[in-house]
Amino acid sequence: MAKERTINELRQSKDYGYTPPHKQGDSSIVQKEFKKDINEIEDWIADAIYEDIKDQLFETVCKYMNEWDELQVSNYINYDNRDLPTEILDAAYDWHHSVHANIIGKVFANFKHWE
């Protein structure tokens, strides 16, 4: 039977409080396996944020465009007039949406310079 040591004797021994490192492949080590790579998670978060920003930006651009009479197509074309050629209505629609797209493009261009 081994002699029981006092706490002072244990503190003076070489292996007091020492835990040897685990060897590679040691089954006593529990390593958590992650389901996704960090880059995949970053990409998912970035895509989700982009979709949120895109939706909010669309609504915000519409809100600010409504404040300007110059950007209201109804000031140039009376949609109640059924005699207007389809080409004119299509051109007005395209013009309004091109202005909207230009504003969004300028906002996203500002994000490139954001630090």
Protein backbone atom coordinates (compact mmCIF):
# COMPACT_ATOMS: atom_id res chain seq x y z
CA MET A 1 0.00 0.00 0.00
CA ALA A 2 1.28 3.41 -0.97
CA LYS A 3 2.00 6.03 1.59
CA GLU A 4 -0.48 8.87 1.72
CA ARG A 5 1.23 12.18 1.17
CA THR A 6 0.46 15.46 2.82
CA ILE A 7 -0.49 18.47 0.75
CA ASN A 8 3.01 19.93 1.22
CA GLU A 9 4.62 16.75 -0.07
CA LEU A 10 2.30 16.76 -3.09
CA ARG A 11 3.14 20.39 -3.91
CA GLN A 12 6.82 19.57 -3.86
CA SER A 13 6.49 16.67 -6.29
CA LYS A 14 7.23 17.25 -9.98
CA ASP A 15 3.81 16.26 -11.23
CA TYR A 16 1.62 18.31 -8.85
CA GLY A 17 -1.07 20.10 -10.87
CA TYR A 18 0.44 18.89 -14.12
CA THR A 19 -1.81 17.50 -16.79
CA PRO A 20 0.02 15.83 -19.65
CA PRO A 21 -1.02 16.92 -23.14
CA HIS A 22 -3.37 14.61 -24.99
CA LYS A 23 -1.96 12.67 -27.88
CA GLN A 24 -3.41 12.99 -31.39
CA GLY A 25 -6.32 10.60 -31.79
CA ASP A 26 -6.87 10.28 -28.06
CA SER A 27 -10.48 9.28 -27.59
CA SER A 28 -10.74 11.15 -24.31
CA ILE A 29 -10.70 14.51 -26.13
CA VAL A 30 -14.12 15.69 -27.20
CA GLN A 31 -13.93 17.85 -30.29
CA LYS A 32 -17.04 19.52 -31.57
CA GLU A 33 -17.73 18.93 -35.22
CA PHE A 34 -19.20 21.94 -36.94
CA LYS A 35 -21.74 21.41 -39.68
CA LYS A 36 -20.72 24.39 -41.79
CA ASP A 37 -17.52 26.10 -42.73
CA ILE A 38 -17.01 29.63 -41.38
CA ASN A 39 -16.87 31.01 -44.93
CA GLU A 40 -20.26 29.47 -45.71
CA ILE A 41 -21.72 31.09 -42.59
CA GLU A 42 -20.21 34.45 -43.52
CA ASP A 43 -21.65 34.14 -47.05
CA TRP A 44 -25.09 33.25 -45.71
CA ILE A 45 -25.10 36.20 -43.30
CA ALA A 46 -23.87 38.59 -46.00
CA ASP A 47 -26.58 37.39 -48.41
CA ALA A 48 -29.28 37.76 -45.77
CA ILE A 49 -28.13 41.27 -44.90
CA TYR A 50 -27.98 42.16 -48.59
CA GLU A 51 -31.58 41.03 -49.08
CA ASP A 52 -32.70 43.04 -46.04
CA ILE A 53 -30.84 46.12 -47.23
CA LYS A 54 -32.14 45.70 -50.76
CA ASP A 55 -35.77 45.58 -49.58
CA GLN A 56 -35.33 48.52 -47.22
CA LEU A 57 -33.46 50.49 -49.86
CA PHE A 58 -36.21 49.90 -52.42
CA GLU A 59 -38.84 51.23 -50.02
CA THR A 60 -36.68 54.18 -49.01
CA VAL A 61 -35.98 55.18 -52.61
CA CYS A 62 -39.72 55.02 -53.37
CA LYS A 63 -40.43 57.20 -50.34
CA TYR A 64 -37.93 59.88 -51.37
CA MET A 65 -38.90 59.74 -55.04
CA ASN A 66 -42.51 60.44 -54.04
CA GLU A 67 -41.37 63.71 -52.45
CA TRP A 68 -40.20 65.09 -55.81
CA ASP A 69 -42.81 66.23 -58.32
CA GLU A 70 -40.23 65.98 -61.11
CA LEU A 71 -40.04 62.22 -60.60
CA GLN A 72 -43.78 61.58 -60.71
CA VAL A 73 -44.78 60.05 -64.03
CA SER A 74 -48.37 61.07 -63.39
CA ASN A 75 -47.26 64.70 -63.87
CA TYR A 76 -46.28 63.91 -67.47
CA ILE A 77 -48.81 61.27 -68.48
CA ASN A 78 -52.45 60.86 -67.65
CA TYR A 79 -52.89 57.12 -67.17
CA ASP A 80 -56.67 57.50 -67.36
CA ASN A 81 -56.35 58.43 -71.02
CA ARG A 82 -56.90 55.12 -72.78
CA ASP A 83 -55.99 56.63 -76.16
CA LEU A 84 -52.28 56.85 -75.36
CA PRO A 85 -50.12 54.50 -77.39
CA THR A 86 -48.61 51.61 -75.49
CA GLU A 87 -45.12 52.77 -76.51
CA ILE A 88 -45.55 56.03 -74.58
CA LEU A 89 -46.79 54.23 -71.48
CA ASP A 90 -43.92 51.74 -71.72
CA ALA A 91 -41.39 54.56 -72.16
CA ALA A 92 -42.74 56.36 -69.09
CA TYR A 93 -42.60 53.13 -67.08
CA ASP A 94 -39.03 52.46 -68.25
CA TRP A 95 -37.95 56.04 -67.50
CA HIS A 96 -39.34 55.93 -63.95
CA HIS A 97 -37.69 52.60 -63.21
CA SER A 98 -34.38 53.67 -64.73
CA VAL A 99 -34.33 56.68 -62.37
CA HIS A 100 -35.08 54.31 -59.48
CA ALA A 101 -32.29 51.95 -60.58
CA ASN A 102 -29.82 54.83 -60.97
CA ILE A 103 -30.50 56.01 -57.41
CA ILE A 104 -30.00 52.49 -56.03
CA GLY A 105 -26.80 52.14 -58.07
CA LYS A 106 -25.44 55.38 -56.61
CA VAL A 107 -26.25 54.23 -53.07
CA PHE A 108 -24.47 50.91 -53.60
CA ALA A 109 -21.52 52.75 -55.15
CA ASN A 110 -21.23 54.66 -51.88
CA PHE A 111 -20.98 51.35 -50.01
CA LYS A 112 -17.79 50.55 -51.95
CA HIS A 113 -16.12 53.56 -50.35
CA TRP A 114 -17.44 52.77 -46.89
CA GLU A 115 -14.82 51.94 -44.32
